[in-house]
Amino acid sequence: MKPARRDCPRRVTPELIDFHIERARLLRAEAYRNMWRKLWTLLVRLKRLGL
């Protein structure tokens, strides 16, 4: 038995893919900024402790 052919429009459009790619790029950039900020804060804290 053959699967039924779907005649409805695609739900995943190229525009939707582009949107999610851009969103992932922005989230990744934010995560890197947060990582460097936390690392810098840790280094400053260690410096203040005299280590």
C-alpha atoms as a PDB file:
ATOM      1  CA  MET A   1       0.000   0.000   0.000  1.00  0.00           C
ATOM      2  CA  LYS A   2       1.417   3.373  -1.028  1.00  0.00           C
ATOM      3  CA  PRO A   3       1.479   6.244   1.456  1.00  0.00           C
ATOM      4  CA  ALA A   4      -1.062   8.951   0.761  1.00  0.00           C
ATOM      5  CA  ARG A   5       0.246  11.929  -1.132  1.00  0.00           C
ATOM      6  CA  ARG A   6       0.139  15.149   0.795  1.00  0.00           C
ATOM      7  CA  ASP A   7      -1.262  18.010  -1.258  1.00  0.00           C
ATOM      8  CA  CYS A   8      -1.219  20.579   1.534  1.00  0.00           C
ATOM      9  CA  PRO A   9       1.538  23.223   1.497  1.00  0.00           C
ATOM     10  CA  ARG A  10       4.846  22.525   3.192  1.00  0.00           C
ATOM     11  CA  ARG A  11       5.000  23.585   6.819  1.00  0.00           C
ATOM     12  CA  VAL A  12       8.763  24.039   6.791  1.00  0.00           C
ATOM     13  CA  THR A  13       9.373  26.883   4.387  1.00  0.00           C
ATOM     14  CA  PRO A  14      12.744  28.325   3.388  1.00  0.00           C
ATOM     15  CA  GLU A  15      11.797  31.494   5.282  1.00  0.00           C
ATOM     16  CA  LEU A  16      11.163  29.472   8.438  1.00  0.00           C
ATOM     17  CA  ILE A  17      14.510  27.708   8.086  1.00  0.00           C
ATOM     18  CA  ASP A  18      16.285  31.056   7.611  1.00  0.00           C
ATOM     19  CA  PHE A  19      14.530  32.444  10.686  1.00  0.00           C
ATOM     20  CA  HIS A  20      15.701  29.551  12.857  1.00  0.00           C
ATOM     21  CA  ILE A  21      19.256  29.691  11.485  1.00  0.00           C
ATOM     22  CA  GLU A  22      19.469  33.392  12.369  1.00  0.00           C
ATOM     23  CA  ARG A  23      17.912  32.779  15.792  1.00  0.00           C
ATOM     24  CA  ALA A  24      20.464  30.037  16.491  1.00  0.00           C
ATOM     25  CA  ARG A  25      23.291  32.382  15.476  1.00  0.00           C
ATOM     26  CA  LEU A  26      22.057  35.087  17.851  1.00  0.00           C
ATOM     27  CA  LEU A  27      21.639  32.628  20.732  1.00  0.00           C
ATOM     28  CA  ARG A  28      25.118  31.208  20.131  1.00  0.00           C
ATOM     29  CA  ALA A  29      26.637  34.705  20.142  1.00  0.00           C
ATOM     30  CA  GLU A  30      24.834  35.527  23.389  1.00  0.00           C
ATOM     31  CA  ALA A  31      26.038  32.293  24.985  1.00  0.00           C
ATOM     32  CA  TYR A  32      29.656  33.103  24.051  1.00  0.00           C
ATOM     33  CA  ARG A  33      29.340  36.623  25.465  1.00  0.00           C
ATOM     34  CA  ASN A  34      27.927  35.242  28.710  1.00  0.00           C
ATOM     35  CA  MET A  35      30.698  32.646  28.895  1.00  0.00           C
ATOM     36  CA  TRP A  36      33.464  35.253  28.520  1.00  0.00           C
ATOM     37  CA  ARG A  37      31.744  37.548  31.022  1.00  0.00           C
ATOM     38  CA  LYS A  38      31.571  34.756  33.614  1.00  0.00           C
ATOM     39  CA  LEU A  39      35.195  33.804  32.992  1.00  0.00           C
ATOM     40  CA  TRP A  40      36.322  37.413  33.383  1.00  0.00           C
ATOM     41  CA  THR A  41      34.297  37.753  36.624  1.00  0.00           C
ATOM     42  CA  LEU A  42      35.923  34.601  37.982  1.00  0.00           C
ATOM     43  CA  LEU A  43      39.421  35.845  37.113  1.00  0.00           C
ATOM     44  CA  VAL A  44      38.756  39.214  38.768  1.00  0.00           C
ATOM     45  CA  ARG A  45      37.419  37.481  41.874  1.00  0.00           C
ATOM     46  CA  LEU A  46      40.492  35.223  42.059  1.00  0.00           C
ATOM     47  CA  LYS A  47      42.781  38.246  41.606  1.00  0.00           C
ATOM     48  CA  ARG A  48      41.061  40.040  44.505  1.00  0.00           C
ATOM     49  CA  LEU A  49      41.590  36.987  46.704  1.00  0.00           C
ATOM     50  CA  GLY A  50      45.286  37.142  45.875  1.00  0.00           C
ATOM     51  CA  LEU A  51      45.495  33.788  44.147  1.00  0.00           C
END
